[in-house]
């Protein structure tokens, strides 16, 4: 979760461009067990209305053929 939290917050802050962001909703779906590593997080962020930013991320296990281990959807709200 710590890797997802750091990556999602960074993506949301980059999308916000100014001011702080805070998480409003957080959903993690575990797909498979990660066993080999290294583990890589990829994601995108997109701005919506009312100061919201949606982030979608995946955690992949490169040692197992880039198998998706988990996915995350987080909604942030800009503050400021």
PDB file of N, CA and C in Angstrom:
ATOM      1  N   UNK A   1       0.810  -1.198   0.000  1.00  0.00           N
ATOM      2  CA  UNK A   1       0.000   0.000   0.000  1.00  0.00           C
ATOM      3  C   UNK A   1       0.851   1.260   0.000  1.00  0.00           C
ATOM      4  N   UNK A   2       1.992   1.218   0.621  1.00  0.00           N
ATOM      5  CA  UNK A   2       2.837   2.410   0.711  1.00  0.00           C
ATOM      6  C   UNK A   2       3.298   2.850  -0.669  1.00  0.00           C
ATOM      7  N   UNK A   3       3.647   1.908  -1.517  1.00  0.00           N
ATOM      8  CA  UNK A   3       4.079   2.248  -2.878  1.00  0.00           C
ATOM      9  C   UNK A   3       2.929   2.888  -3.638  1.00  0.00           C
ATOM     10  N   UNK A   4       1.727   2.318  -3.535  1.00  0.00           N
ATOM     11  CA  UNK A   4       0.556   2.885  -4.196  1.00  0.00           C
ATOM     12  C   UNK A   4       0.263   4.285  -3.666  1.00  0.00           C
ATOM     13  N   UNK A   5       0.325   4.454  -2.355  1.00  0.00           N
ATOM     14  CA  UNK A   5       0.029   5.764  -1.765  1.00  0.00           C
ATOM     15  C   UNK A   5       0.991   6.831  -2.277  1.00  0.00           C
ATOM     16  N   UNK A   6       2.268   6.517  -2.287  1.00  0.00           N
ATOM     17  CA  UNK A   6       3.265   7.487  -2.761  1.00  0.00           C
ATOM     18  C   UNK A   6       3.069   7.808  -4.238  1.00  0.00           C
ATOM     19  N   UNK A   7       2.871   6.791  -5.069  1.00  0.00           N
ATOM     20  CA  UNK A   7       2.714   7.004  -6.508  1.00  0.00           C
ATOM     21  C   UNK A   7       1.434   7.765  -6.824  1.00  0.00           C
ATOM     22  N   UNK A   8       0.324   7.403  -6.195  1.00  0.00           N
ATOM     23  CA  UNK A   8      -0.951   8.071  -6.456  1.00  0.00           C
ATOM     24  C   UNK A   8      -0.913   9.527  -6.007  1.00  0.00           C
ATOM     25  N   UNK A   9      -0.355   9.781  -4.849  1.00  0.00           N
ATOM     26  CA  UNK A   9      -0.267  11.153  -4.346  1.00  0.00           C
ATOM     27  C   UNK A   9       0.622  12.004  -5.246  1.00  0.00           C
ATOM     28  N   UNK A  10       1.723  11.448  -5.715  1.00  0.00           N
ATOM     29  CA  UNK A  10       2.604  12.172  -6.624  1.00  0.00           C
ATOM     30  C   UNK A  10       1.894  12.487  -7.941  1.00  0.00           C
ATOM     31  N   UNK A  11       1.198  11.517  -8.512  1.00  0.00           N
ATOM     32  CA  UNK A  11       0.461  11.763  -9.758  1.00  0.00           C
ATOM     33  C   UNK A  11      -0.608  12.833  -9.567  1.00  0.00           C
ATOM     34  N   UNK A  12      -1.351  12.761  -8.468  1.00  0.00           N
ATOM     35  CA  UNK A  12      -2.399  13.749  -8.204  1.00  0.00           C
ATOM     36  C   UNK A  12      -1.805  15.141  -8.023  1.00  0.00           C
ATOM     37  N   UNK A  13      -0.700  15.245  -7.306  1.00  0.00           N
ATOM     38  CA  UNK A  13      -0.057  16.546  -7.097  1.00  0.00           C
ATOM     39  C   UNK A  13       0.456  17.128  -8.408  1.00  0.00           C
ATOM     40  N   UNK A  14       1.005  16.292  -9.271  1.00  0.00           N
ATOM     41  CA  UNK A  14       1.456  16.774 -10.580  1.00  0.00           C
ATOM     42  C   UNK A  14       0.284  17.259 -11.426  1.00  0.00           C
ATOM     43  N   UNK A  15      -0.826  16.563 -11.347  1.00  0.00           N
ATOM     44  CA  UNK A  15      -2.015  16.963 -12.109  1.00  0.00           C
ATOM     45  C   UNK A  15      -2.600  18.258 -11.554  1.00  0.00           C
ATOM     46  N   UNK A  16      -2.559  18.438 -10.237  1.00  0.00           N
ATOM     47  CA  UNK A  16      -3.112  19.633  -9.590  1.00  0.00           C
ATOM     48  C   UNK A  16      -2.285  20.869  -9.906  1.00  0.00           C
ATOM     49  N   UNK A  17      -1.006  20.712 -10.094  1.00  0.00           N
ATOM     50  CA  UNK A  17      -0.052  21.769 -10.452  1.00  0.00           C
ATOM     51  C   UNK A  17       0.176  22.807  -9.359  1.00  0.00           C
ATOM     52  N   UNK A  18      -0.747  23.007  -8.479  1.00  0.00           N
ATOM     53  CA  UNK A  18      -0.560  23.959  -7.383  1.00  0.00           C
ATOM     54  C   UNK A  18      -1.479  23.564  -6.239  1.00  0.00           C
ATOM     55  N   UNK A  19      -1.023  23.770  -5.038  1.00  0.00           N
ATOM     56  CA  UNK A  19      -1.843  23.436  -3.890  1.00  0.00           C
ATOM     57  C   UNK A  19      -1.710  21.976  -3.493  1.00  0.00           C
ATOM     58  N   UNK A  20      -2.284  21.680  -2.369  1.00  0.00           N
ATOM     59  CA  UNK A  20      -2.223  20.329  -1.821  1.00  0.00           C
ATOM     60  C   UNK A  20      -3.386  19.492  -2.333  1.00  0.00           C
ATOM     61  N   UNK A  21      -3.255  18.194  -2.185  1.00  0.00           N
ATOM     62  CA  UNK A  21      -4.338  17.275  -2.529  1.00  0.00           C
ATOM     63  C   UNK A  21      -4.602  16.368  -1.330  1.00  0.00           C
ATOM     64  N   UNK A  22      -5.847  15.920  -1.225  1.00  0.00           N
ATOM     65  CA  UNK A  22      -6.177  14.953  -0.177  1.00  0.00           C
ATOM     66  C   UNK A  22      -7.037  13.860  -0.792  1.00  0.00           C
ATOM     67  N   UNK A  23      -6.872  12.663  -0.310  1.00  0.00           N
ATOM     68  CA  UNK A  23      -7.591  11.520  -0.863  1.00  0.00           C
ATOM     69  C   UNK A  23      -9.034  11.522  -0.355  1.00  0.00           C
ATOM     70  N   UNK A  24      -9.962  11.247  -1.269  1.00  0.00           N
ATOM     71  CA  UNK A  24     -11.375  11.127  -0.915  1.00  0.00           C
ATOM     72  C   UNK A  24     -11.858   9.679  -0.981  1.00  0.00           C
ATOM     73  N   UNK A  25     -11.331   8.932  -1.912  1.00  0.00           N
ATOM     74  CA  UNK A  25     -11.754   7.548  -2.078  1.00  0.00           C
ATOM     75  C   UNK A  25     -10.555   6.722  -2.517  1.00  0.00           C
ATOM     76  N   UNK A  26     -10.520   5.475  -2.077  1.00  0.00           N
ATOM     77  CA  UNK A  26      -9.340   4.629  -2.303  1.00  0.00           C
ATOM     78  C   UNK A  26      -9.812   3.189  -2.437  1.00  0.00           C
ATOM     79  N   UNK A  27      -9.567   2.571  -3.584  1.00  0.00           N
ATOM     80  CA  UNK A  27      -9.955   1.188  -3.797  1.00  0.00           C
ATOM     81  C   UNK A  27      -8.774   0.418  -4.375  1.00  0.00           C
ATOM     82  N   UNK A  28      -8.369  -0.645  -3.694  1.00  0.00           N
ATOM     83  CA  UNK A  28      -7.288  -1.503  -4.167  1.00  0.00           C
ATOM     84  C   UNK A  28      -7.873  -2.886  -4.440  1.00  0.00           C
ATOM     85  N   UNK A  29      -7.536  -3.420  -5.607  1.00  0.00           N
ATOM     86  CA  UNK A  29      -7.967  -4.768  -5.964  1.00  0.00           C
ATOM     87  C   UNK A  29      -6.733  -5.638  -6.150  1.00  0.00           C
ATOM     88  N   UNK A  30      -6.634  -6.691  -5.360  1.00  0.00           N
ATOM     89  CA  UNK A  30      -5.514  -7.612  -5.466  1.00  0.00           C
ATOM     90  C   UNK A  30      -5.879  -8.694  -6.472  1.00  0.00           C
ATOM     91  N   UNK A  31      -5.009  -8.888  -7.462  1.00  0.00           N
ATOM     92  CA  UNK A  31      -5.293  -9.789  -8.571  1.00  0.00           C
ATOM     93  C   UNK A  31      -4.538 -11.105  -8.427  1.00  0.00           C
ATOM     94  N   UNK A  32      -3.276 -11.029  -8.062  1.00  0.00           N
ATOM     95  CA  UNK A  32      -2.436 -12.223  -7.951  1.00  0.00           C
ATOM     96  C   UNK A  32      -1.356 -11.962  -6.908  1.00  0.00           C
ATOM     97  N   UNK A  33      -0.739 -13.023  -6.461  1.00  0.00           N
ATOM     98  CA  UNK A  33       0.347 -12.895  -5.500  1.00  0.00           C
ATOM     99  C   UNK A  33       1.621 -12.452  -6.212  1.00  0.00           C
ATOM    100  N   UNK A  34       2.278 -11.442  -5.678  1.00  0.00           N
ATOM    101  CA  UNK A  34       3.582 -11.031  -6.191  1.00  0.00           C
ATOM    102  C   UNK A  34       4.656 -11.862  -5.523  1.00  0.00           C
ATOM    103  N   UNK A  35       5.528 -12.481  -6.315  1.00  0.00           N
ATOM    104  CA  UNK A  35       6.500 -13.387  -5.717  1.00  0.00           C
ATOM    105  C   UNK A  35       7.939 -13.091  -6.091  1.00  0.00           C
ATOM    106  N   UNK A  36       8.202 -12.644  -7.305  1.00  0.00           N
ATOM    107  CA  UNK A  36       9.579 -12.574  -7.776  1.00  0.00           C
ATOM    108  C   UNK A  36      10.189 -11.174  -7.755  1.00  0.00           C
ATOM    109  N   UNK A  37       9.454 -10.175  -8.235  1.00  0.00           N
ATOM    110  CA  UNK A  37       9.996  -8.831  -8.329  1.00  0.00           C
ATOM    111  C   UNK A  37      11.031  -8.730  -9.424  1.00  0.00           C
ATOM    112  N   UNK A  38      11.513  -7.591  -9.710  1.00  0.00           N
ATOM    113  CA  UNK A  38      11.122  -6.332  -9.071  1.00  0.00           C
ATOM    114  C   UNK A  38       9.676  -5.959  -9.402  1.00  0.00           C
ATOM    115  N   UNK A  39       9.105  -5.137  -8.533  1.00  0.00           N
ATOM    116  CA  UNK A  39       7.722  -4.699  -8.682  1.00  0.00           C
ATOM    117  C   UNK A  39       7.715  -3.263  -9.192  1.00  0.00           C
ATOM    118  N   UNK A  40       6.846  -2.985 -10.143  1.00  0.00           N
ATOM    119  CA  UNK A  40       6.798  -1.678 -10.798  1.00  0.00           C
ATOM    120  C   UNK A  40       5.372  -1.146 -10.749  1.00  0.00           C
ATOM    121  N   UNK A  41       5.232   0.140 -10.452  1.00  0.00           N
ATOM    122  CA  UNK A  41       3.932   0.806 -10.454  1.00  0.00           C
ATOM    123  C   UNK A  41       3.858   1.712 -11.672  1.00  0.00           C
ATOM    124  N   UNK A  42       2.769   1.570 -12.440  1.00  0.00           N
ATOM    125  CA  UNK A  42       2.477   2.458 -13.562  1.00  0.00           C
ATOM    126  C   UNK A  42       1.129   3.096 -13.290  1.00  0.00           C
ATOM    127  N   UNK A  43       0.955   4.339 -13.735  1.00  0.00           N
ATOM    128  CA  UNK A  43      -0.337   4.957 -13.504  1.00  0.00           C
ATOM    129  C   UNK A  43      -0.580   6.195 -14.321  1.00  0.00           C
ATOM    130  N   UNK A  44      -1.829   6.627 -14.291  1.00  0.00           N
ATOM    131  CA  UNK A  44      -2.253   7.856 -14.951  1.00  0.00           C
ATOM    132  C   UNK A  44      -3.138   8.638 -13.998  1.00  0.00           C
ATOM    133  N   UNK A  45      -3.204   9.937 -14.232  1.00  0.00           N
ATOM    134  CA  UNK A  45      -4.085  10.810 -13.467  1.00  0.00           C
ATOM    135  C   UNK A  45      -4.831  11.693 -14.449  1.00  0.00           C
ATOM    136  N   UNK A  46      -6.075  11.967 -14.133  1.00  0.00           N
ATOM    137  CA  UNK A  46      -6.859  12.869 -14.979  1.00  0.00           C
ATOM    138  C   UNK A  46      -7.730  13.743 -14.098  1.00  0.00           C
ATOM    139  N   UNK A  47      -7.812  15.012 -14.500  1.00  0.00           N
ATOM    140  CA  UNK A  47      -8.591  15.984 -13.743  1.00  0.00           C
ATOM    141  C   UNK A  47     -10.058  15.881 -14.130  1.00  0.00           C
ATOM    142  N   UNK A  48     -10.904  15.987 -13.129  1.00  0.00           N
ATOM    143  CA  UNK A  48     -12.340  15.993 -13.352  1.00  0.00           C
ATOM    144  C   UNK A  48     -12.924  17.324 -12.916  1.00  0.00           C
ATOM    145  N   UNK A  49     -14.209  17.335 -12.643  1.00  0.00           N
ATOM    146  CA  UNK A  49     -14.838  18.568 -12.199  1.00  0.00           C
ATOM    147  C   UNK A  49     -14.802  18.676 -10.679  1.00  0.00           C
ATOM    148  N   UNK A  50     -15.167  19.842 -10.186  1.00  0.00           N
ATOM    149  CA  UNK A  50     -15.235  20.102  -8.745  1.00  0.00           C
ATOM    150  C   UNK A  50     -13.908  19.885  -8.027  1.00  0.00           C
ATOM    151  N   UNK A  51     -12.791  20.098  -8.732  1.00  0.00           N
ATOM    152  CA  UNK A  51     -11.481  19.972  -8.106  1.00  0.00           C
ATOM    153  C   UNK A  51     -11.045  18.557  -7.812  1.00  0.00           C
ATOM    154  N   UNK A  52     -11.621  17.588  -8.500  1.00  0.00           N
ATOM    155  CA  UNK A  52     -11.258  16.191  -8.264  1.00  0.00           C
ATOM    156  C   UNK A  52     -10.258  15.693  -9.298  1.00  0.00           C
ATOM    157  N   UNK A  53      -9.435  14.756  -8.862  1.00  0.00           N
ATOM    158  CA  UNK A  53      -8.433  14.115  -9.720  1.00  0.00           C
ATOM    159  C   UNK A  53      -8.543  12.613  -9.507  1.00  0.00           C
ATOM    160  N   UNK A  54      -8.667  11.878 -10.609  1.00  0.00           N
ATOM    161  CA  UNK A  54      -8.736  10.420 -10.546  1.00  0.00           C
ATOM    162  C   UNK A  54      -7.383   9.836 -10.920  1.00  0.00           C
ATOM    163  N   UNK A  55      -6.909   8.892 -10.146  1.00  0.00           N
ATOM    164  CA  UNK A  55      -5.651   8.191 -10.428  1.00  0.00           C
ATOM    165  C   UNK A  55      -5.943   6.704 -10.571  1.00  0.00           C
ATOM    166  N   UNK A  56      -5.361   6.117 -11.611  1.00  0.00           N
ATOM    167  CA  UNK A  56      -5.484   4.675 -11.838  1.00  0.00           C
ATOM    168  C   UNK A  56      -4.076   4.101 -11.924  1.00  0.00           C
ATOM    169  N   UNK A  57      -3.783   3.114 -11.107  1.00  0.00           N
ATOM    170  CA  UNK A  57      -2.443   2.546 -11.064  1.00  0.00           C
ATOM    171  C   UNK A  57      -2.495   1.028 -11.097  1.00  0.00           C
ATOM    172  N   UNK A  58      -1.418   0.431 -11.593  1.00  0.00           N
ATOM    173  CA  UNK A  58      -1.250  -1.016 -11.532  1.00  0.00           C
ATOM    174  C   UNK A  58       0.115  -1.328 -10.938  1.00  0.00           C
ATOM    175  N   UNK A  59       0.172  -2.410 -10.198  1.00  0.00           N
ATOM    176  CA  UNK A  59       1.422  -2.929  -9.645  1.00  0.00           C
ATOM    177  C   UNK A  59       1.724  -4.223 -10.389  1.00  0.00           C
ATOM    178  N   UNK A  60       2.885  -4.276 -11.038  1.00  0.00           N
ATOM    179  CA  UNK A  60       3.270  -5.434 -11.844  1.00  0.00           C
ATOM    180  C   UNK A  60       4.490  -6.114 -11.267  1.00  0.00           C
ATOM    181  N   UNK A  61       4.540  -7.429 -11.426  1.00  0.00           N
ATOM    182  CA  UNK A  61       5.677  -8.246 -11.013  1.00  0.00           C
ATOM    183  C   UNK A  61       6.495  -8.541 -12.270  1.00  0.00           C
ATOM    184  N   UNK A  62       7.579  -7.792 -12.475  1.00  0.00           N
ATOM    185  CA  UNK A  62       8.400  -7.960 -13.675  1.00  0.00           C
ATOM    186  C   UNK A  62       9.045  -9.343 -13.743  1.00  0.00           C
ATOM    187  N   UNK A  63       9.330  -9.934 -12.610  1.00  0.00           N
ATOM    188  CA  UNK A  63       9.957 -11.246 -12.580  1.00  0.00           C
ATOM    189  C   UNK A  63       9.034 -12.375 -12.995  1.00  0.00           C
ATOM    190  N   UNK A  64       7.767 -12.078 -13.112  1.00  0.00           N
ATOM    191  CA  UNK A  64       6.783 -13.084 -13.551  1.00  0.00           C
ATOM    192  C   UNK A  64       6.108 -12.626 -14.841  1.00  0.00           C
ATOM    193  N   UNK A  65       6.911 -12.074 -15.756  1.00  0.00           N
ATOM    194  CA  UNK A  65       6.392 -11.678 -17.062  1.00  0.00           C
ATOM    195  C   UNK A  65       5.482 -10.470 -17.021  1.00  0.00           C
ATOM    196  N   UNK A  66       5.766  -9.517 -16.154  1.00  0.00           N
ATOM    197  CA  UNK A  66       4.963  -8.299 -15.997  1.00  0.00           C
ATOM    198  C   UNK A  66       3.530  -8.587 -15.568  1.00  0.00           C
ATOM    199  N   UNK A  67       3.342  -9.635 -14.838  1.00  0.00           N
ATOM    200  CA  UNK A  67       2.014 -10.004 -14.361  1.00  0.00           C
ATOM    201  C   UNK A  67       1.467  -8.927 -13.433  1.00  0.00           C
ATOM    202  N   UNK A  68       0.206  -8.535 -13.646  1.00  0.00           N
ATOM    203  CA  UNK A  68      -0.428  -7.555 -12.768  1.00  0.00           C
ATOM    204  C   UNK A  68      -0.726  -8.220 -11.432  1.00  0.00           C
ATOM    205  N   UNK A  69      -0.284  -7.566 -10.369  1.00  0.00           N
ATOM    206  CA  UNK A  69      -0.457  -8.069  -9.011  1.00  0.00           C
ATOM    207  C   UNK A  69      -1.633  -7.369  -8.328  1.00  0.00           C
ATOM    208  N   UNK A  70      -1.769  -6.059  -8.563  1.00  0.00           N
ATOM    209  CA  UNK A  70      -2.840  -5.290  -7.933  1.00  0.00           C
ATOM    210  C   UNK A  70      -3.129  -4.062  -8.774  1.00  0.00           C
ATOM    211  N   UNK A  71      -4.332  -3.525  -8.584  1.00  0.00           N
ATOM    212  CA  UNK A  71      -4.687  -2.271  -9.248  1.00  0.00           C
ATOM    213  C   UNK A  71      -5.335  -1.350  -8.229  1.00  0.00           C
ATOM    214  N   UNK A  72      -5.272  -0.065  -8.503  1.00  0.00           N
ATOM    215  CA  UNK A  72      -5.758   0.950  -7.580  1.00  0.00           C
ATOM    216  C   UNK A  72      -6.511   2.014  -8.348  1.00  0.00           C
ATOM    217  N   UNK A  73      -7.602   2.476  -7.763  1.00  0.00           N
ATOM    218  CA  UNK A  73      -8.282   3.682  -8.229  1.00  0.00           C
ATOM    219  C   UNK A  73      -8.388   4.587  -7.010  1.00  0.00           C
ATOM    220  N   UNK A  74      -7.899   5.809  -7.141  1.00  0.00           N
ATOM    221  CA  UNK A  74      -7.952   6.768  -6.034  1.00  0.00           C
ATOM    222  C   UNK A  74      -8.514   8.081  -6.551  1.00  0.00           C
ATOM    223  N   UNK A  75      -9.374   8.699  -5.766  1.00  0.00           N
ATOM    224  CA  UNK A  75      -9.927  10.002  -6.103  1.00  0.00           C
ATOM    225  C   UNK A  75      -9.385  11.002  -5.081  1.00  0.00           C
ATOM    226  N   UNK A  76      -8.801  12.061  -5.594  1.00  0.00           N
ATOM    227  CA  UNK A  76      -8.243  13.121  -4.760  1.00  0.00           C
ATOM    228  C   UNK A  76      -9.045  14.400  -4.995  1.00  0.00           C
ATOM    229  N   UNK A  77      -9.009  15.302  -4.029  1.00  0.00           N
ATOM    230  CA  UNK A  77      -9.581  16.632  -4.178  1.00  0.00           C
ATOM    231  C   UNK A  77      -8.478  17.644  -3.926  1.00  0.00           C
ATOM    232  N   UNK A  78      -8.446  18.665  -4.767  1.00  0.00           N
ATOM    233  CA  UNK A  78      -7.439  19.712  -4.601  1.00  0.00           C
ATOM    234  C   UNK A  78      -7.831  20.627  -3.444  1.00  0.00           C
ATOM    235  N   UNK A  79      -6.836  21.112  -2.755  1.00  0.00           N
ATOM    236  CA  UNK A  79      -7.036  22.045  -1.638  1.00  0.00           C
ATOM    237  C   UNK A  79      -6.190  23.272  -1.898  1.00  0.00           C
ATOM    238  N   UNK A  80      -6.821  24.320  -2.307  1.00  0.00           N
ATOM    239  CA  UNK A  80      -6.044  25.542  -2.509  1.00  0.00           C
ATOM    240  C   UNK A  80      -6.076  26.112  -3.850  1.00  0.00           C
TER     241      UNK A  80
END
